[in-house]
Amino acid sequence: MDQTQVVIKGAGPHGLAATAHLRRGGAEVLTFGEPTDFWRTMPKGMLLRSNWTATSIAEYVGPLSLTSYCESTGTDIQCAVPLDSFIDYGMWVRAPVRSVADVVGGKPQP
């Protein structure tokens, strides 16, 4: 990447979703942050009770959906998504194969 068109600060679900969509549109994107870092501070054993579409990162139908994650990894998740599964899903979305390859860990420098 010789020139970055877009820089995203934060690699949580919204940052990962924005990165994926911008890349699909052909933009050069650099995303700063530790993927799903905020979610790692939540209480162990927590369940996400949002509906399936709201819990999906980037899209609720398609290759980045929660359904695709479950099918791809053999994970069985019900409507209340365990925190650990959501974090794993975020890392799966971030993986190079799914177009969010160069998330830069740590916090951006001023």
PDB file of N, CA and C in Angstrom:
ATOM      1  N   MET A   1       0.848  -1.160   0.000  1.00  0.00           N
ATOM      2  CA  MET A   1       0.000   0.000   0.000  1.00  0.00           C
ATOM      3  C   MET A   1       0.902   1.233   0.000  1.00  0.00           C
ATOM      4  N   ASP A   2       0.995   1.927  -1.125  1.00  0.00           N
ATOM      5  CA  ASP A   2       1.829   3.116  -1.234  1.00  0.00           C
ATOM      6  C   ASP A   2       1.153   4.346  -0.652  1.00  0.00           C
ATOM      7  N   GLN A   3      -0.139   4.406  -0.768  1.00  0.00           N
ATOM      8  CA  GLN A   3      -0.886   5.550  -0.285  1.00  0.00           C
ATOM      9  C   GLN A   3      -2.178   5.060   0.350  1.00  0.00           C
ATOM     10  N   THR A   4      -2.472   5.578   1.531  1.00  0.00           N
ATOM     11  CA  THR A   4      -3.690   5.197   2.226  1.00  0.00           C
ATOM     12  C   THR A   4      -4.742   6.263   2.007  1.00  0.00           C
ATOM     13  N   GLN A   5      -5.889   5.868   1.517  1.00  0.00           N
ATOM     14  CA  GLN A   5      -6.984   6.810   1.293  1.00  0.00           C
ATOM     15  C   GLN A   5      -7.788   7.056   2.567  1.00  0.00           C
ATOM     16  N   VAL A   6      -7.920   6.007   3.396  1.00  0.00           N
ATOM     17  CA  VAL A   6      -8.753   6.099   4.589  1.00  0.00           C
ATOM     18  C   VAL A   6      -8.014   5.467   5.759  1.00  0.00           C
ATOM     19  N   VAL A   7      -8.065   6.153   6.896  1.00  0.00           N
ATOM     20  CA  VAL A   7      -7.536   5.595   8.138  1.00  0.00           C
ATOM     21  C   VAL A   7      -8.704   5.482   9.108  1.00  0.00           C
ATOM     22  N   ILE A   8      -8.839   4.309   9.693  1.00  0.00           N
ATOM     23  CA  ILE A   8      -9.910   4.065  10.664  1.00  0.00           C
ATOM     24  C   ILE A   8      -9.268   3.872  12.027  1.00  0.00           C
ATOM     25  N   LYS A   9      -9.742   4.624  12.994  1.00  0.00           N
ATOM     26  CA  LYS A   9      -9.243   4.512  14.361  1.00  0.00           C
ATOM     27  C   LYS A   9     -10.210   3.631  15.135  1.00  0.00           C
ATOM     28  N   GLY A  10      -9.755   2.430  15.443  1.00  0.00           N
ATOM     29  CA  GLY A  10     -10.582   1.498  16.195  1.00  0.00           C
ATOM     30  C   GLY A  10     -10.908   0.257  15.389  1.00  0.00           C
ATOM     31  N   ALA A  11     -10.647  -0.897  15.981  1.00  0.00           N
ATOM     32  CA  ALA A  11     -10.871  -2.174  15.300  1.00  0.00           C
ATOM     33  C   ALA A  11     -11.929  -3.000  16.008  1.00  0.00           C
ATOM     34  N   GLY A  12     -12.904  -2.299  16.557  1.00  0.00           N
ATOM     35  CA  GLY A  12     -14.054  -2.993  17.119  1.00  0.00           C
ATOM     36  C   GLY A  12     -14.993  -3.381  15.987  1.00  0.00           C
ATOM     37  N   PRO A  13     -16.175  -3.845  16.304  1.00  0.00           N
ATOM     38  CA  PRO A  13     -17.097  -4.273  15.261  1.00  0.00           C
ATOM     39  C   PRO A  13     -17.374  -3.203  14.194  1.00  0.00           C
ATOM     40  N   HIS A  14     -17.529  -1.948  14.609  1.00  0.00           N
ATOM     41  CA  HIS A  14     -17.823  -0.890  13.635  1.00  0.00           C
ATOM     42  C   HIS A  14     -16.602  -0.589  12.769  1.00  0.00           C
ATOM     43  N   GLY A  15     -15.430  -0.536  13.378  1.00  0.00           N
ATOM     44  CA  GLY A  15     -14.208  -0.301  12.602  1.00  0.00           C
ATOM     45  C   GLY A  15     -13.931  -1.423  11.619  1.00  0.00           C
ATOM     46  N   LEU A  16     -14.130  -2.668  12.050  1.00  0.00           N
ATOM     47  CA  LEU A  16     -13.938  -3.809  11.151  1.00  0.00           C
ATOM     48  C   LEU A  16     -14.953  -3.781  10.012  1.00  0.00           C
ATOM     49  N   ALA A  17     -16.201  -3.431  10.333  1.00  0.00           N
ATOM     50  CA  ALA A  17     -17.239  -3.360   9.305  1.00  0.00           C
ATOM     51  C   ALA A  17     -16.928  -2.256   8.290  1.00  0.00           C
ATOM     52  N   ALA A  18     -16.530  -1.088   8.792  1.00  0.00           N
ATOM     53  CA  ALA A  18     -16.196   0.013   7.888  1.00  0.00           C
ATOM     54  C   ALA A  18     -15.022  -0.363   6.994  1.00  0.00           C
ATOM     55  N   THR A  19     -14.011  -0.993   7.566  1.00  0.00           N
ATOM     56  CA  THR A  19     -12.852  -1.419   6.783  1.00  0.00           C
ATOM     57  C   THR A  19     -13.266  -2.379   5.679  1.00  0.00           C
ATOM     58  N   ALA A  20     -14.055  -3.369   6.019  1.00  0.00           N
ATOM     59  CA  ALA A  20     -14.479  -4.367   5.029  1.00  0.00           C
ATOM     60  C   ALA A  20     -15.273  -3.718   3.899  1.00  0.00           C
ATOM     61  N   HIS A  21     -16.219  -2.853   4.231  1.00  0.00           N
ATOM     62  CA  HIS A  21     -17.055  -2.230   3.200  1.00  0.00           C
ATOM     63  C   HIS A  21     -16.254  -1.271   2.321  1.00  0.00           C
ATOM     64  N   LEU A  22     -15.372  -0.501   2.927  1.00  0.00           N
ATOM     65  CA  LEU A  22     -14.547   0.418   2.134  1.00  0.00           C
ATOM     66  C   LEU A  22     -13.625  -0.346   1.188  1.00  0.00           C
ATOM     67  N   ARG A  23     -13.052  -1.447   1.679  1.00  0.00           N
ATOM     68  CA  ARG A  23     -12.189  -2.249   0.809  1.00  0.00           C
ATOM     69  C   ARG A  23     -12.976  -2.877  -0.331  1.00  0.00           C
ATOM     70  N   ARG A  24     -14.175  -3.315  -0.045  1.00  0.00           N
ATOM     71  CA  ARG A  24     -15.023  -3.855  -1.120  1.00  0.00           C
ATOM     72  C   ARG A  24     -15.249  -2.809  -2.205  1.00  0.00           C
ATOM     73  N   GLY A  25     -15.298  -1.549  -1.786  1.00  0.00           N
ATOM     74  CA  GLY A  25     -15.483  -0.462  -2.728  1.00  0.00           C
ATOM     75  C   GLY A  25     -14.199  -0.017  -3.408  1.00  0.00           C
ATOM     76  N   GLY A  26     -13.082  -0.672  -3.057  1.00  0.00           N
ATOM     77  CA  GLY A  26     -11.813  -0.382  -3.715  1.00  0.00           C
ATOM     78  C   GLY A  26     -10.921   0.620  -3.007  1.00  0.00           C
ATOM     79  N   ALA A  27     -11.294   1.073  -1.818  1.00  0.00           N
ATOM     80  CA  ALA A  27     -10.486   2.052  -1.092  1.00  0.00           C
ATOM     81  C   ALA A  27      -9.291   1.377  -0.417  1.00  0.00           C
ATOM     82  N   GLU A  28      -8.205   2.125  -0.335  1.00  0.00           N
ATOM     83  CA  GLU A  28      -7.038   1.695   0.437  1.00  0.00           C
ATOM     84  C   GLU A  28      -7.307   2.122   1.878  1.00  0.00           C
ATOM     85  N   VAL A  29      -7.341   1.160   2.783  1.00  0.00           N
ATOM     86  CA  VAL A  29      -7.736   1.430   4.170  1.00  0.00           C
ATOM     87  C   VAL A  29      -6.689   0.884   5.123  1.00  0.00           C
ATOM     88  N   LEU A  30      -6.364   1.681   6.142  1.00  0.00           N
ATOM     89  CA  LEU A  30      -5.502   1.231   7.224  1.00  0.00           C
ATOM     90  C   LEU A  30      -6.293   1.404   8.515  1.00  0.00           C
ATOM     91  N   THR A  31      -6.426   0.336   9.279  1.00  0.00           N
ATOM     92  CA  THR A  31      -7.220   0.356  10.501  1.00  0.00           C
ATOM     93  C   THR A  31      -6.296   0.192  11.701  1.00  0.00           C
ATOM     94  N   PHE A  32      -6.393   1.120  12.647  1.00  0.00           N
ATOM     95  CA  PHE A  32      -5.589   1.070  13.856  1.00  0.00           C
ATOM     96  C   PHE A  32      -6.426   0.563  15.014  1.00  0.00           C
ATOM     97  N   GLY A  33      -5.816  -0.256  15.843  1.00  0.00           N
ATOM     98  CA  GLY A  33      -6.471  -0.723  17.056  1.00  0.00           C
ATOM     99  C   GLY A  33      -6.315  -2.216  17.226  1.00  0.00           C
ATOM    100  N   GLU A  34      -6.538  -2.651  18.410  1.00  0.00           N
ATOM    101  CA  GLU A  34      -6.502  -4.072  18.734  1.00  0.00           C
ATOM    102  C   GLU A  34      -7.897  -4.617  18.470  1.00  0.00           C
ATOM    103  N   PRO A  35      -8.051  -5.586  17.569  1.00  0.00           N
ATOM    104  CA  PRO A  35      -9.385  -6.082  17.233  1.00  0.00           C
ATOM    105  C   PRO A  35     -10.178  -6.539  18.465  1.00  0.00           C
ATOM    106  N   THR A  36     -11.394  -6.089  18.551  1.00  0.00           N
ATOM    107  CA  THR A  36     -12.349  -6.397  19.624  1.00  0.00           C
ATOM    108  C   THR A  36     -11.788  -6.108  21.021  1.00  0.00           C
ATOM    109  N   ASP A  37     -10.865  -5.149  21.121  1.00  0.00           N
ATOM    110  CA  ASP A  37     -10.196  -4.844  22.391  1.00  0.00           C
ATOM    111  C   ASP A  37     -11.188  -4.463  23.492  1.00  0.00           C
ATOM    112  N   PHE A  38     -12.126  -3.603  23.192  1.00  0.00           N
ATOM    113  CA  PHE A  38     -13.110  -3.172  24.193  1.00  0.00           C
ATOM    114  C   PHE A  38     -13.896  -4.357  24.741  1.00  0.00           C
ATOM    115  N   TRP A  39     -14.271  -5.271  23.845  1.00  0.00           N
ATOM    116  CA  TRP A  39     -15.089  -6.412  24.249  1.00  0.00           C
ATOM    117  C   TRP A  39     -14.343  -7.337  25.195  1.00  0.00           C
ATOM    118  N   ARG A  40     -13.032  -7.318  25.147  1.00  0.00           N
ATOM    119  CA  ARG A  40     -12.227  -8.165  26.031  1.00  0.00           C
ATOM    120  C   ARG A  40     -12.266  -7.680  27.478  1.00  0.00           C
ATOM    121  N   THR A  41     -12.751  -6.456  27.704  1.00  0.00           N
ATOM    122  CA  THR A  41     -12.850  -5.918  29.064  1.00  0.00           C
ATOM    123  C   THR A  41     -14.199  -6.226  29.716  1.00  0.00           C
ATOM    124  N   MET A  42     -15.103  -6.809  28.964  1.00  0.00           N
ATOM    125  CA  MET A  42     -16.435  -7.128  29.479  1.00  0.00           C
ATOM    126  C   MET A  42     -16.365  -8.322  30.441  1.00  0.00           C
ATOM    127  N   PRO A  43     -17.341  -8.451  31.305  1.00  0.00           N
ATOM    128  CA  PRO A  43     -17.339  -9.552  32.277  1.00  0.00           C
ATOM    129  C   PRO A  43     -17.342 -10.925  31.604  1.00  0.00           C
ATOM    130  N   LYS A  44     -16.526 -11.818  32.112  1.00  0.00           N
ATOM    131  CA  LYS A  44     -16.480 -13.197  31.599  1.00  0.00           C
ATOM    132  C   LYS A  44     -17.867 -13.821  31.735  1.00  0.00           C
ATOM    133  N   GLY A  45     -18.240 -14.591  30.745  1.00  0.00           N
ATOM    134  CA  GLY A  45     -19.526 -15.272  30.776  1.00  0.00           C
ATOM    135  C   GLY A  45     -20.693 -14.423  30.288  1.00  0.00           C
ATOM    136  N   MET A  46     -20.413 -13.184  29.911  1.00  0.00           N
ATOM    137  CA  MET A  46     -21.473 -12.292  29.432  1.00  0.00           C
ATOM    138  C   MET A  46     -22.106 -12.842  28.155  1.00  0.00           C
ATOM    139  N   LEU A  47     -23.390 -12.614  28.004  1.00  0.00           N
ATOM    140  CA  LEU A  47     -24.118 -13.005  26.795  1.00  0.00           C
ATOM    141  C   LEU A  47     -24.618 -11.759  26.083  1.00  0.00           C
ATOM    142  N   LEU A  48     -24.430 -11.694  24.775  1.00  0.00           N
ATOM    143  CA  LEU A  48     -24.975 -10.607  23.968  1.00  0.00           C
ATOM    144  C   LEU A  48     -26.395 -10.988  23.605  1.00  0.00           C
ATOM    145  N   ARG A  49     -27.351 -10.199  23.986  1.00  0.00           N
ATOM    146  CA  ARG A  49     -28.747 -10.543  23.794  1.00  0.00           C
ATOM    147  C   ARG A  49     -29.398  -9.798  22.622  1.00  0.00           C
ATOM    148  N   SER A  50     -28.581  -9.075  21.856  1.00  0.00           N
ATOM    149  CA  SER A  50     -29.125  -8.415  20.669  1.00  0.00           C
ATOM    150  C   SER A  50     -29.589  -9.476  19.686  1.00  0.00           C
ATOM    151  N   ASN A  51     -30.485  -9.086  18.794  1.00  0.00           N
ATOM    152  CA  ASN A  51     -30.929 -10.063  17.816  1.00  0.00           C
ATOM    153  C   ASN A  51     -29.767 -10.415  16.871  1.00  0.00           C
ATOM    154  N   TRP A  52     -29.951 -11.461  16.100  1.00  0.00           N
ATOM    155  CA  TRP A  52     -28.899 -12.019  15.241  1.00  0.00           C
ATOM    156  C   TRP A  52     -28.361 -10.970  14.269  1.00  0.00           C
ATOM    157  N   THR A  53     -29.262 -10.199  13.662  1.00  0.00           N
ATOM    158  CA  THR A  53     -28.810  -9.209  12.680  1.00  0.00           C
ATOM    159  C   THR A  53     -27.991  -8.110  13.334  1.00  0.00           C
ATOM    160  N   ALA A  54     -28.341  -7.702  14.548  1.00  0.00           N
ATOM    161  CA  ALA A  54     -27.607  -6.647  15.244  1.00  0.00           C
ATOM    162  C   ALA A  54     -26.258  -7.143  15.757  1.00  0.00           C
ATOM    163  N   THR A  55     -26.125  -8.433  15.962  1.00  0.00           N
ATOM    164  CA  THR A  55     -24.874  -8.998  16.460  1.00  0.00           C
ATOM    165  C   THR A  55     -23.889  -9.274  15.332  1.00  0.00           C
ATOM    166  N   SER A  56     -24.380  -9.356  14.105  1.00  0.00           N
ATOM    167  CA  SER A  56     -23.495  -9.594  12.969  1.00  0.00           C
ATOM    168  C   SER A  56     -22.630  -8.364  12.711  1.00  0.00           C
ATOM    169  N   ILE A  57     -21.376  -8.602  12.335  1.00  0.00           N
ATOM    170  CA  ILE A  57     -20.435  -7.527  12.030  1.00  0.00           C
ATOM    171  C   ILE A  57     -20.447  -7.309  10.518  1.00  0.00           C
ATOM    172  N   ALA A  58     -20.662  -6.105  10.096  1.00  0.00           N
ATOM    173  CA  ALA A  58     -20.610  -5.675   8.696  1.00  0.00           C
ATOM    174  C   ALA A  58     -21.858  -6.037   7.902  1.00  0.00           C
ATOM    175  N   GLU A  59     -22.397  -7.218   8.098  1.00  0.00           N
ATOM    176  CA  GLU A  59     -23.571  -7.631   7.322  1.00  0.00           C
ATOM    177  C   GLU A  59     -24.230  -8.817   8.007  1.00  0.00           C
ATOM    178  N   TYR A  60     -25.532  -8.923   7.876  1.00  0.00           N
ATOM    179  CA  TYR A  60     -26.195 -10.075   8.488  1.00  0.00           C
ATOM    180  C   TYR A  60     -26.436 -11.190   7.485  1.00  0.00           C
ATOM    181  N   VAL A  61     -26.209 -10.911   6.204  1.00  0.00           N
ATOM    182  CA  VAL A  61     -26.253 -11.929   5.164  1.00  0.00           C
ATOM    183  C   VAL A  61     -25.005 -11.728   4.318  1.00  0.00           C
ATOM    184  N   GLY A  62     -24.243 -12.780   4.103  1.00  0.00           N
ATOM    185  CA  GLY A  62     -23.047 -12.653   3.274  1.00  0.00           C
ATOM    186  C   GLY A  62     -21.828 -13.249   3.939  1.00  0.00           C
ATOM    187  N   PRO A  63     -20.669 -13.079   3.325  1.00  0.00           N
ATOM    188  CA  PRO A  63     -19.466 -13.756   3.799  1.00  0.00           C
ATOM    189  C   PRO A  63     -18.938 -13.287   5.151  1.00  0.00           C
ATOM    190  N   LEU A  64     -19.350 -12.118   5.644  1.00  0.00           N
ATOM    191  CA  LEU A  64     -18.889 -11.654   6.954  1.00  0.00           C
ATOM    192  C   LEU A  64     -19.941 -11.813   8.045  1.00  0.00           C
ATOM    193  N   SER A  65     -21.041 -12.444   7.715  1.00  0.00           N
ATOM    194  CA  SER A  65     -22.149 -12.563   8.665  1.00  0.00           C
ATOM    195  C   SER A  65     -21.822 -13.547   9.794  1.00  0.00           C
ATOM    196  N   LEU A  66     -22.569 -13.409  10.847  1.00  0.00           N
ATOM    197  CA  LEU A  66     -22.448 -14.335  11.976  1.00  0.00           C
ATOM    198  C   LEU A  66     -22.799 -15.753  11.537  1.00  0.00           C
ATOM    199  N   THR A  67     -23.765 -15.862  10.641  1.00  0.00           N
ATOM    200  CA  THR A  67     -24.135 -17.176  10.101  1.00  0.00           C
ATOM    201  C   THR A  67     -22.963 -17.798   9.342  1.00  0.00           C
ATOM    202  N   SER A  68     -22.277 -16.996   8.511  1.00  0.00           N
ATOM    203  CA  SER A  68     -21.114 -17.509   7.769  1.00  0.00           C
ATOM    204  C   SER A  68     -20.003 -17.940   8.714  1.00  0.00           C
ATOM    205  N   TYR A  69     -19.792 -17.164   9.781  1.00  0.00           N
ATOM    206  CA  TYR A  69     -18.795 -17.533  10.788  1.00  0.00           C
ATOM    207  C   TYR A  69     -19.141 -18.894  11.389  1.00  0.00           C
ATOM    208  N   CYS A  70     -20.389 -19.078  11.802  1.00  0.00           N
ATOM    209  CA  CYS A  70     -20.809 -20.343  12.410  1.00  0.00           C
ATOM    210  C   CYS A  70     -20.617 -21.508  11.442  1.00  0.00           C
ATOM    211  N   GLU A  71     -21.026 -21.328  10.191  1.00  0.00           N
ATOM    212  CA  GLU A  71     -20.878 -22.385   9.188  1.00  0.00           C
ATOM    213  C   GLU A  71     -19.417 -22.688   8.904  1.00  0.00           C
ATOM    214  N   SER A  72     -18.600 -21.664   8.802  1.00  0.00           N
ATOM    215  CA  SER A  72     -17.180 -21.816   8.476  1.00  0.00           C
ATOM    216  C   SER A  72     -16.385 -22.486   9.591  1.00  0.00           C
ATOM    217  N   THR A  73     -16.741 -22.196  10.836  1.00  0.00           N
ATOM    218  CA  THR A  73     -15.964 -22.698  11.976  1.00  0.00           C
ATOM    219  C   THR A  73     -16.622 -23.874  12.690  1.00  0.00           C
ATOM    220  N   GLY A  74     -17.840 -24.205  12.301  1.00  0.00           N
ATOM    221  CA  GLY A  74     -18.543 -25.286  12.983  1.00  0.00           C
ATOM    222  C   GLY A  74     -19.019 -24.881  14.368  1.00  0.00           C
ATOM    223  N   THR A  75     -19.146 -23.573  14.603  1.00  0.00           N
ATOM    224  CA  THR A  75     -19.586 -23.062  15.898  1.00  0.00           C
ATOM    225  C   THR A  75     -21.104 -23.046  15.955  1.00  0.00           C
ATOM    226  N   ASP A  76     -21.652 -23.524  17.056  1.00  0.00           N
ATOM    227  CA  ASP A  76     -23.098 -23.521  17.253  1.00  0.00           C
ATOM    228  C   ASP A  76     -23.429 -22.419  18.246  1.00  0.00           C
ATOM    229  N   ILE A  77     -24.021 -21.356  17.751  1.00  0.00           N
ATOM    230  CA  ILE A  77     -24.406 -20.228  18.604  1.00  0.00           C
ATOM    231  C   ILE A  77     -25.908 -20.065  18.522  1.00  0.00           C
ATOM    232  N   GLN A  78     -26.501 -19.858  19.672  1.00  0.00           N
ATOM    233  CA  GLN A  78     -27.938 -19.589  19.725  1.00  0.00           C
ATOM    234  C   GLN A  78     -28.146 -18.077  19.773  1.00  0.00           C
ATOM    235  N   CYS A  79     -29.332 -17.636  20.049  1.00  0.00           N
ATOM    236  CA  CYS A  79     -29.658 -16.210  19.993  1.00  0.00           C
ATOM    237  C   CYS A  79     -28.858 -15.366  20.994  1.00  0.00           C
ATOM    238  N   ALA A  80     -28.637 -15.832  22.188  1.00  0.00           N
ATOM    239  CA  ALA A  80     -27.790 -15.101  23.133  1.00  0.00           C
ATOM    240  C   ALA A  80     -26.341 -15.517  22.873  1.00  0.00           C
ATOM    241  N   VAL A  81     -25.577 -14.648  22.220  1.00  0.00           N
ATOM    242  CA  VAL A  81     -24.211 -14.983  21.795  1.00  0.00           C
ATOM    243  C   VAL A  81     -23.252 -14.812  22.968  1.00  0.00           C
ATOM    244  N   PRO A  82     -22.523 -15.873  23.328  1.00  0.00           N
ATOM    245  CA  PRO A  82     -21.524 -15.751  24.394  1.00  0.00           C
ATOM    246  C   PRO A  82     -20.427 -14.758  23.997  1.00  0.00           C
ATOM    247  N   LEU A  83     -19.969 -13.988  24.964  1.00  0.00           N
ATOM    248  CA  LEU A  83     -18.938 -12.989  24.731  1.00  0.00           C
ATOM    249  C   LEU A  83     -17.719 -13.580  24.022  1.00  0.00           C
ATOM    250  N   ASP A  84     -17.230 -14.717  24.497  1.00  0.00           N
ATOM    251  CA  ASP A  84     -16.047 -15.333  23.886  1.00  0.00           C
ATOM    252  C   ASP A  84     -16.285 -15.664  22.416  1.00  0.00           C
ATOM    253  N   SER A  85     -17.481 -16.110  22.085  1.00  0.00           N
ATOM    254  CA  SER A  85     -17.801 -16.413  20.690  1.00  0.00           C
ATOM    255  C   SER A  85     -17.836 -15.142  19.852  1.00  0.00           C
ATOM    256  N   PHE A  86     -18.342 -14.054  20.423  1.00  0.00           N
ATOM    257  CA  PHE A  86     -18.387 -12.795  19.693  1.00  0.00           C
ATOM    258  C   PHE A  86     -16.975 -12.277  19.422  1.00  0.00           C
ATOM    259  N   ILE A  87     -16.092 -12.388  20.408  1.00  0.00           N
ATOM    260  CA  ILE A  87     -14.694 -11.982  20.224  1.00  0.00           C
ATOM    261  C   ILE A  87     -14.037 -12.842  19.145  1.00  0.00           C
ATOM    262  N   ASP A  88     -14.261 -14.141  19.200  1.00  0.00           N
ATOM    263  CA  ASP A  88     -13.716 -15.037  18.166  1.00  0.00           C
ATOM    264  C   ASP A  88     -14.256 -14.669  16.789  1.00  0.00           C
ATOM    265  N   TYR A  89     -15.515 -14.336  16.723  1.00  0.00           N
ATOM    266  CA  TYR A  89     -16.141 -13.918  15.469  1.00  0.00           C
ATOM    267  C   TYR A  89     -15.462 -12.646  14.939  1.00  0.00           C
ATOM    268  N   GLY A  90     -15.207 -11.683  15.816  1.00  0.00           N
ATOM    269  CA  GLY A  90     -14.517 -10.458  15.415  1.00  0.00           C
ATOM    270  C   GLY A  90     -13.135 -10.741  14.856  1.00  0.00           C
ATOM    271  N   MET A  91     -12.413 -11.665  15.473  1.00  0.00           N
ATOM    272  CA  MET A  91     -11.081 -12.031  14.975  1.00  0.00           C
ATOM    273  C   MET A  91     -11.200 -12.755  13.634  1.00  0.00           C
ATOM    274  N   TRP A  92     -12.241 -13.521  13.458  1.00  0.00           N
ATOM    275  CA  TRP A  92     -12.488 -14.219  12.196  1.00  0.00           C
ATOM    276  C   TRP A  92     -12.761 -13.205  11.087  1.00  0.00           C
ATOM    277  N   VAL A  93     -13.559 -12.182  11.380  1.00  0.00           N
ATOM    278  CA  VAL A  93     -13.835 -11.134  10.396  1.00  0.00           C
ATOM    279  C   VAL A  93     -12.543 -10.417  10.032  1.00  0.00           C
ATOM    280  N   ARG A  94     -11.679 -10.223  10.991  1.00  0.00           N
ATOM    281  CA  ARG A  94     -10.428  -9.503  10.793  1.00  0.00           C
ATOM    282  C   ARG A  94      -9.413 -10.290   9.967  1.00  0.00           C
ATOM    283  N   ALA A  95      -9.532 -11.584   9.917  1.00  0.00           N
ATOM    284  CA  ALA A  95      -8.536 -12.431   9.240  1.00  0.00           C
ATOM    285  C   ALA A  95      -8.293 -11.987   7.803  1.00  0.00           C
ATOM    286  N   PRO A  96      -7.058 -12.134   7.318  1.00  0.00           N
ATOM    287  CA  PRO A  96      -6.697 -11.670   5.975  1.00  0.00           C
ATOM    288  C   PRO A  96      -7.599 -12.179   4.855  1.00  0.00           C
ATOM    289  N   VAL A  97      -8.083 -13.372   4.974  1.00  0.00           N
ATOM    290  CA  VAL A  97      -8.919 -13.940   3.924  1.00  0.00           C
ATOM    291  C   VAL A  97     -10.203 -13.140   3.749  1.00  0.00           C
ATOM    292  N   ARG A  98     -10.641 -12.474   4.797  1.00  0.00           N
ATOM    293  CA  ARG A  98     -11.901 -11.741   4.742  1.00  0.00           C
ATOM    294  C   ARG A  98     -11.707 -10.232   4.602  1.00  0.00           C
ATOM    295  N   SER A  99     -10.599  -9.802   4.039  1.00  0.00           N
ATOM    296  CA  SER A  99     -10.375  -8.410   3.617  1.00  0.00           C
ATOM    297  C   SER A  99     -10.114  -7.393   4.720  1.00  0.00           C
ATOM    298  N   VAL A 100      -9.791  -7.788   5.901  1.00  0.00           N
ATOM    299  CA  VAL A 100      -9.434  -6.829   6.949  1.00  0.00           C
ATOM    300  C   VAL A 100      -8.063  -7.225   7.473  1.00  0.00           C
ATOM    301  N   ALA A 101      -7.114  -7.347   6.554  1.00  0.00           N
ATOM    302  CA  ALA A 101      -5.828  -7.948   6.873  1.00  0.00           C
ATOM    303  C   ALA A 101      -4.896  -7.071   7.673  1.00  0.00           C
ATOM    304  N   ASP A 102      -4.800  -5.806   7.383  1.00  0.00           N
ATOM    305  CA  ASP A 102      -3.746  -5.024   7.998  1.00  0.00           C
ATOM    306  C   ASP A 102      -4.214  -4.120   9.125  1.00  0.00           C
ATOM    307  N   VAL A 103      -5.006  -4.684  10.017  1.00  0.00           N
ATOM    308  CA  VAL A 103      -5.351  -3.961  11.240  1.00  0.00           C
ATOM    309  C   VAL A 103      -4.070  -3.857  12.045  1.00  0.00           C
ATOM    310  N   VAL A 104      -3.723  -2.642  12.430  1.00  0.00           N
ATOM    311  CA  VAL A 104      -2.494  -2.409  13.153  1.00  0.00           C
ATOM    312  C   VAL A 104      -2.810  -2.386  14.642  1.00  0.00           C
ATOM    313  N   GLY A 105      -2.222  -3.335  15.381  1.00  0.00           N
ATOM    314  CA  GLY A 105      -2.500  -3.442  16.813  1.00  0.00           C
ATOM    315  C   GLY A 105      -1.987  -2.247  17.580  1.00  0.00           C
ATOM    316  N   GLY A 106      -2.545  -2.053  18.728  1.00  0.00           N
ATOM    317  CA  GLY A 106      -2.144  -0.940  19.568  1.00  0.00           C
ATOM    318  C   GLY A 106      -2.888   0.319  19.193  1.00  0.00           C
ATOM    319  N   LYS A 107      -2.581   1.362  19.922  1.00  0.00           N
ATOM    320  CA  LYS A 107      -3.269   2.628  19.706  1.00  0.00           C
ATOM    321  C   LYS A 107      -2.484   3.496  18.726  1.00  0.00           C
ATOM    322  N   PRO A 108      -3.184   4.253  17.880  1.00  0.00           N
ATOM    323  CA  PRO A 108      -2.487   5.128  16.953  1.00  0.00           C
ATOM    324  C   PRO A 108      -1.689   6.194  17.684  1.00  0.00           C
ATOM    325  N   GLN A 109      -0.596   6.577  17.115  1.00  0.00           N
ATOM    326  CA  GLN A 109       0.227   7.623  17.689  1.00  0.00           C
ATOM    327  C   GLN A 109      -0.319   8.976  17.266  1.00  0.00           C
ATOM    328  N   PRO A 110      -0.270   9.984  18.164  1.00  0.00           N
ATOM    329  CA  PRO A 110      -0.787  11.324  17.809  1.00  0.00           C
ATOM    330  C   PRO A 110       0.036  11.952  16.699  1.00  0.00           C
TER     331      PRO A 110
END
